[in-house]
Amino acid sequence: MPQLNPSPWFAILLFSWAVFLIILPTKVMAHTFNNDPNQQAAMKPKLDPWNWPWH
């Protein structure tokens, strides 16, 4: 039964987890966004009170 032989599958498991835990997080964290969300959040909207009659 070849599925019980752990020699090729254990190496594949270790290498795939090494990719997931070492290489991919560094690539994801190095991603930069085109639009900086802090610039838009710094502007405060002008709040006008409503003068509508309630009838």
PDB file of N, CA and C in Angstrom:
ATOM      1  N   MET A   1       0.848  -1.181   0.000  1.00  0.00           N
ATOM      2  CA  MET A   1       0.000   0.000   0.000  1.00  0.00           C
ATOM      3  C   MET A   1       0.892   1.243   0.000  1.00  0.00           C
ATOM      4  N   PRO A   2       0.941   1.962  -1.093  1.00  0.00           N
ATOM      5  CA  PRO A   2       1.879   3.084  -1.200  1.00  0.00           C
ATOM      6  C   PRO A   2       1.505   4.276  -0.324  1.00  0.00           C
ATOM      7  N   GLN A   3       0.244   4.430   0.035  1.00  0.00           N
ATOM      8  CA  GLN A   3      -0.125   5.584   0.848  1.00  0.00           C
ATOM      9  C   GLN A   3       0.402   5.477   2.283  1.00  0.00           C
ATOM     10  N   LEU A   4       0.820   4.317   2.713  1.00  0.00           N
ATOM     11  CA  LEU A   4       1.358   4.161   4.050  1.00  0.00           C
ATOM     12  C   LEU A   4       2.859   4.447   4.112  1.00  0.00           C
ATOM     13  N   ASN A   5       3.496   4.628   2.981  1.00  0.00           N
ATOM     14  CA  ASN A   5       4.914   4.952   2.957  1.00  0.00           C
ATOM     15  C   ASN A   5       5.071   6.464   3.140  1.00  0.00           C
ATOM     16  N   PRO A   6       5.554   6.951   4.287  1.00  0.00           N
ATOM     17  CA  PRO A   6       5.572   8.386   4.554  1.00  0.00           C
ATOM     18  C   PRO A   6       6.745   9.137   3.928  1.00  0.00           C
ATOM     19  N   SER A   7       7.649   8.456   3.280  1.00  0.00           N
ATOM     20  CA  SER A   7       8.850   9.153   2.827  1.00  0.00           C
ATOM     21  C   SER A   7       8.577  10.246   1.796  1.00  0.00           C
ATOM     22  N   PRO A   8       7.806  10.044   0.714  1.00  0.00           N
ATOM     23  CA  PRO A   8       7.613  11.181  -0.194  1.00  0.00           C
ATOM     24  C   PRO A   8       6.592  12.188   0.323  1.00  0.00           C
ATOM     25  N   TRP A   9       5.565  11.716   1.034  1.00  0.00           N
ATOM     26  CA  TRP A   9       4.484  12.604   1.440  1.00  0.00           C
ATOM     27  C   TRP A   9       4.883  13.491   2.610  1.00  0.00           C
ATOM     28  N   PHE A  10       5.712  12.985   3.479  1.00  0.00           N
ATOM     29  CA  PHE A  10       6.128  13.802   4.623  1.00  0.00           C
ATOM     30  C   PHE A  10       7.005  14.960   4.164  1.00  0.00           C
ATOM     31  N   ALA A  11       7.870  14.739   3.189  1.00  0.00           N
ATOM     32  CA  ALA A  11       8.702  15.820   2.657  1.00  0.00           C
ATOM     33  C   ALA A  11       7.849  16.869   1.946  1.00  0.00           C
ATOM     34  N   ILE A  12       6.842  16.416   1.201  1.00  0.00           N
ATOM     35  CA  ILE A  12       5.938  17.354   0.525  1.00  0.00           C
ATOM     36  C   ILE A  12       5.163  18.165   1.554  1.00  0.00           C
ATOM     37  N   LEU A  13       4.721  17.529   2.613  1.00  0.00           N
ATOM     38  CA  LEU A  13       4.009  18.235   3.676  1.00  0.00           C
ATOM     39  C   LEU A  13       4.891  19.284   4.329  1.00  0.00           C
ATOM     40  N   LEU A  14       6.115  18.937   4.648  1.00  0.00           N
ATOM     41  CA  LEU A  14       7.018  19.896   5.289  1.00  0.00           C
ATOM     42  C   LEU A  14       7.355  21.074   4.374  1.00  0.00           C
ATOM     43  N   PHE A  15       7.615  20.796   3.111  1.00  0.00           N
ATOM     44  CA  PHE A  15       7.940  21.881   2.181  1.00  0.00           C
ATOM     45  C   PHE A  15       6.741  22.799   1.928  1.00  0.00           C
ATOM     46  N   SER A  16       5.561  22.228   1.841  1.00  0.00           N
ATOM     47  CA  SER A  16       4.384  23.070   1.613  1.00  0.00           C
ATOM     48  C   SER A  16       4.096  23.951   2.833  1.00  0.00           C
ATOM     49  N   TRP A  17       4.251  23.409   4.049  1.00  0.00           N
ATOM     50  CA  TRP A  17       4.061  24.238   5.235  1.00  0.00           C
ATOM     51  C   TRP A  17       5.154  25.281   5.370  1.00  0.00           C
ATOM     52  N   ALA A  18       6.363  24.969   4.932  1.00  0.00           N
ATOM     53  CA  ALA A  18       7.433  25.974   4.949  1.00  0.00           C
ATOM     54  C   ALA A  18       7.100  27.121   4.019  1.00  0.00           C
ATOM     55  N   VAL A  19       6.526  26.814   2.872  1.00  0.00           N
ATOM     56  CA  VAL A  19       6.119  27.871   1.938  1.00  0.00           C
ATOM     57  C   VAL A  19       5.010  28.710   2.561  1.00  0.00           C
ATOM     58  N   PHE A  20       4.019  28.059   3.160  1.00  0.00           N
ATOM     59  CA  PHE A  20       2.902  28.785   3.745  1.00  0.00           C
ATOM     60  C   PHE A  20       3.315  29.645   4.932  1.00  0.00           C
ATOM     61  N   LEU A  21       4.276  29.202   5.723  1.00  0.00           N
ATOM     62  CA  LEU A  21       4.624  29.908   6.946  1.00  0.00           C
ATOM     63  C   LEU A  21       5.790  30.870   6.796  1.00  0.00           C
ATOM     64  N   ILE A  22       6.620  30.711   5.782  1.00  0.00           N
ATOM     65  CA  ILE A  22       7.816  31.548   5.657  1.00  0.00           C
ATOM     66  C   ILE A  22       7.739  32.477   4.448  1.00  0.00           C
ATOM     67  N   ILE A  23       7.423  31.938   3.292  1.00  0.00           N
ATOM     68  CA  ILE A  23       7.511  32.731   2.065  1.00  0.00           C
ATOM     69  C   ILE A  23       6.263  33.582   1.831  1.00  0.00           C
ATOM     70  N   LEU A  24       5.088  32.998   1.953  1.00  0.00           N
ATOM     71  CA  LEU A  24       3.865  33.731   1.645  1.00  0.00           C
ATOM     72  C   LEU A  24       3.583  34.905   2.577  1.00  0.00           C
ATOM     73  N   PRO A  25       3.758  34.807   3.899  1.00  0.00           N
ATOM     74  CA  PRO A  25       3.493  35.984   4.737  1.00  0.00           C
ATOM     75  C   PRO A  25       4.396  37.170   4.418  1.00  0.00           C
ATOM     76  N   THR A  26       5.637  36.927   4.051  1.00  0.00           N
ATOM     77  CA  THR A  26       6.514  38.046   3.708  1.00  0.00           C
ATOM     78  C   THR A  26       6.060  38.714   2.422  1.00  0.00           C
ATOM     79  N   LYS A  27       5.564  37.945   1.468  1.00  0.00           N
ATOM     80  CA  LYS A  27       5.073  38.541   0.227  1.00  0.00           C
ATOM     81  C   LYS A  27       3.766  39.301   0.460  1.00  0.00           C
ATOM     82  N   VAL A  28       2.906  38.791   1.312  1.00  0.00           N
ATOM     83  CA  VAL A  28       1.645  39.467   1.582  1.00  0.00           C
ATOM     84  C   VAL A  28       1.886  40.757   2.364  1.00  0.00           C
ATOM     85  N   MET A  29       2.768  40.724   3.347  1.00  0.00           N
ATOM     86  CA  MET A  29       3.028  41.909   4.149  1.00  0.00           C
ATOM     87  C   MET A  29       3.800  42.983   3.380  1.00  0.00           C
ATOM     88  N   ALA A  30       4.495  42.608   2.318  1.00  0.00           N
ATOM     89  CA  ALA A  30       5.228  43.581   1.514  1.00  0.00           C
ATOM     90  C   ALA A  30       4.334  44.273   0.494  1.00  0.00           C
ATOM     91  N   HIS A  31       3.081  43.860   0.389  1.00  0.00           N
ATOM     92  CA  HIS A  31       2.168  44.449  -0.582  1.00  0.00           C
ATOM     93  C   HIS A  31       1.832  45.882  -0.179  1.00  0.00           C
ATOM     94  N   THR A  32       1.872  46.784  -1.125  1.00  0.00           N
ATOM     95  CA  THR A  32       1.508  48.175  -0.867  1.00  0.00           C
ATOM     96  C   THR A  32       0.248  48.500  -1.646  1.00  0.00           C
ATOM     97  N   PHE A  33      -0.594  49.316  -1.056  1.00  0.00           N
ATOM     98  CA  PHE A  33      -1.837  49.705  -1.690  1.00  0.00           C
ATOM     99  C   PHE A  33      -1.609  50.953  -2.534  1.00  0.00           C
ATOM    100  N   ASN A  34      -2.392  51.095  -3.593  1.00  0.00           N
ATOM    101  CA  ASN A  34      -2.276  52.273  -4.438  1.00  0.00           C
ATOM    102  C   ASN A  34      -2.813  53.515  -3.741  1.00  0.00           C
ATOM    103  N   ASN A  35      -3.903  53.376  -3.034  1.00  0.00           N
ATOM    104  CA  ASN A  35      -4.538  54.505  -2.361  1.00  0.00           C
ATOM    105  C   ASN A  35      -4.277  54.400  -0.872  1.00  0.00           C
ATOM    106  N   ASP A  36      -3.804  55.477  -0.286  1.00  0.00           N
ATOM    107  CA  ASP A  36      -3.553  55.491   1.148  1.00  0.00           C
ATOM    108  C   ASP A  36      -4.855  55.823   1.867  1.00  0.00           C
ATOM    109  N   PRO A  37      -5.401  54.922   2.674  1.00  0.00           N
ATOM    110  CA  PRO A  37      -6.690  55.199   3.313  1.00  0.00           C
ATOM    111  C   PRO A  37      -6.600  56.261   4.404  1.00  0.00           C
ATOM    112  N   ASN A  38      -5.407  56.562   4.909  1.00  0.00           N
ATOM    113  CA  ASN A  38      -5.293  57.551   5.980  1.00  0.00           C
ATOM    114  C   ASN A  38      -5.525  58.969   5.483  1.00  0.00           C
ATOM    115  N   GLN A  39      -5.233  59.271   4.238  1.00  0.00           N
ATOM    116  CA  GLN A  39      -5.421  60.619   3.732  1.00  0.00           C
ATOM    117  C   GLN A  39      -6.891  60.987   3.667  1.00  0.00           C
ATOM    118  N   GLN A  40      -7.735  60.077   3.240  1.00  0.00           N
ATOM    119  CA  GLN A  40      -9.152  60.366   3.148  1.00  0.00           C
ATOM    120  C   GLN A  40      -9.789  60.418   4.538  1.00  0.00           C
ATOM    121  N   ALA A  41      -9.317  59.600   5.447  1.00  0.00           N
ATOM    122  CA  ALA A  41      -9.890  59.576   6.784  1.00  0.00           C
ATOM    123  C   ALA A  41      -9.514  60.829   7.578  1.00  0.00           C
ATOM    124  N   ALA A  42      -8.459  61.546   7.182  1.00  0.00           N
ATOM    125  CA  ALA A  42      -8.045  62.739   7.905  1.00  0.00           C
ATOM    126  C   ALA A  42      -9.009  63.891   7.669  1.00  0.00           C
ATOM    127  N   MET A  43      -9.694  63.912   6.526  1.00  0.00           N
ATOM    128  CA  MET A  43     -10.658  64.986   6.244  1.00  0.00           C
ATOM    129  C   MET A  43     -11.964  64.697   6.975  1.00  0.00           C
ATOM    130  N   LYS A  44     -12.446  65.667   7.738  1.00  0.00           N
ATOM    131  CA  LYS A  44     -13.702  65.488   8.454  1.00  0.00           C
ATOM    132  C   LYS A  44     -14.844  66.059   7.612  1.00  0.00           C
ATOM    133  N   PRO A  45     -15.934  65.334   7.490  1.00  0.00           N
ATOM    134  CA  PRO A  45     -17.052  65.849   6.693  1.00  0.00           C
ATOM    135  C   PRO A  45     -17.740  67.001   7.423  1.00  0.00           C
ATOM    136  N   LYS A  46     -18.279  67.913   6.625  1.00  0.00           N
ATOM    137  CA  LYS A  46     -18.993  69.042   7.192  1.00  0.00           C
ATOM    138  C   LYS A  46     -20.390  68.579   7.597  1.00  0.00           C
ATOM    139  N   LEU A  47     -20.705  68.734   8.864  1.00  0.00           N
ATOM    140  CA  LEU A  47     -21.988  68.293   9.386  1.00  0.00           C
ATOM    141  C   LEU A  47     -22.904  69.495   9.563  1.00  0.00           C
ATOM    142  N   ASP A  48     -23.968  69.552   8.772  1.00  0.00           N
ATOM    143  CA  ASP A  48     -24.966  70.614   8.885  1.00  0.00           C
ATOM    144  C   ASP A  48     -26.199  70.049   9.571  1.00  0.00           C
ATOM    145  N   PRO A  49     -26.763  70.772  10.524  1.00  0.00           N
ATOM    146  CA  PRO A  49     -28.000  70.273  11.153  1.00  0.00           C
ATOM    147  C   PRO A  49     -29.171  70.378  10.179  1.00  0.00           C
ATOM    148  N   TRP A  50     -30.093  69.471  10.310  1.00  0.00           N
ATOM    149  CA  TRP A  50     -31.277  69.498   9.454  1.00  0.00           C
ATOM    150  C   TRP A  50     -32.291  70.469  10.057  1.00  0.00           C
ATOM    151  N   ASN A  51     -32.806  71.341   9.229  1.00  0.00           N
ATOM    152  CA  ASN A  51     -33.840  72.285   9.667  1.00  0.00           C
ATOM    153  C   ASN A  51     -35.175  71.944   9.050  1.00  0.00           C
ATOM    154  N   TRP A  52     -35.481  70.665   8.946  1.00  0.00           N
ATOM    155  CA  TRP A  52     -36.721  70.243   8.316  1.00  0.00           C
ATOM    156  C   TRP A  52     -37.842  70.206   9.368  1.00  0.00           C
ATOM    157  N   PRO A  53     -38.984  70.684   8.996  1.00  0.00           N
ATOM    158  CA  PRO A  53     -40.106  70.557   9.928  1.00  0.00           C
ATOM    159  C   PRO A  53     -40.610  69.119   9.962  1.00  0.00           C
ATOM    160  N   TRP A  54     -40.986  68.656  11.132  1.00  0.00           N
ATOM    161  CA  TRP A  54     -41.426  67.270  11.315  1.00  0.00           C
ATOM    162  C   TRP A  54     -42.951  67.180  11.339  1.00  0.00           C
ATOM    163  N   HIS A  55     -43.601  67.581  10.256  1.00  0.00           N
ATOM    164  CA  HIS A  55     -45.061  67.432  10.155  1.00  0.00           C
ATOM    165  C   HIS A  55     -45.453  67.113   8.751  1.00  0.00           C
TER     166      HIS A  55
END
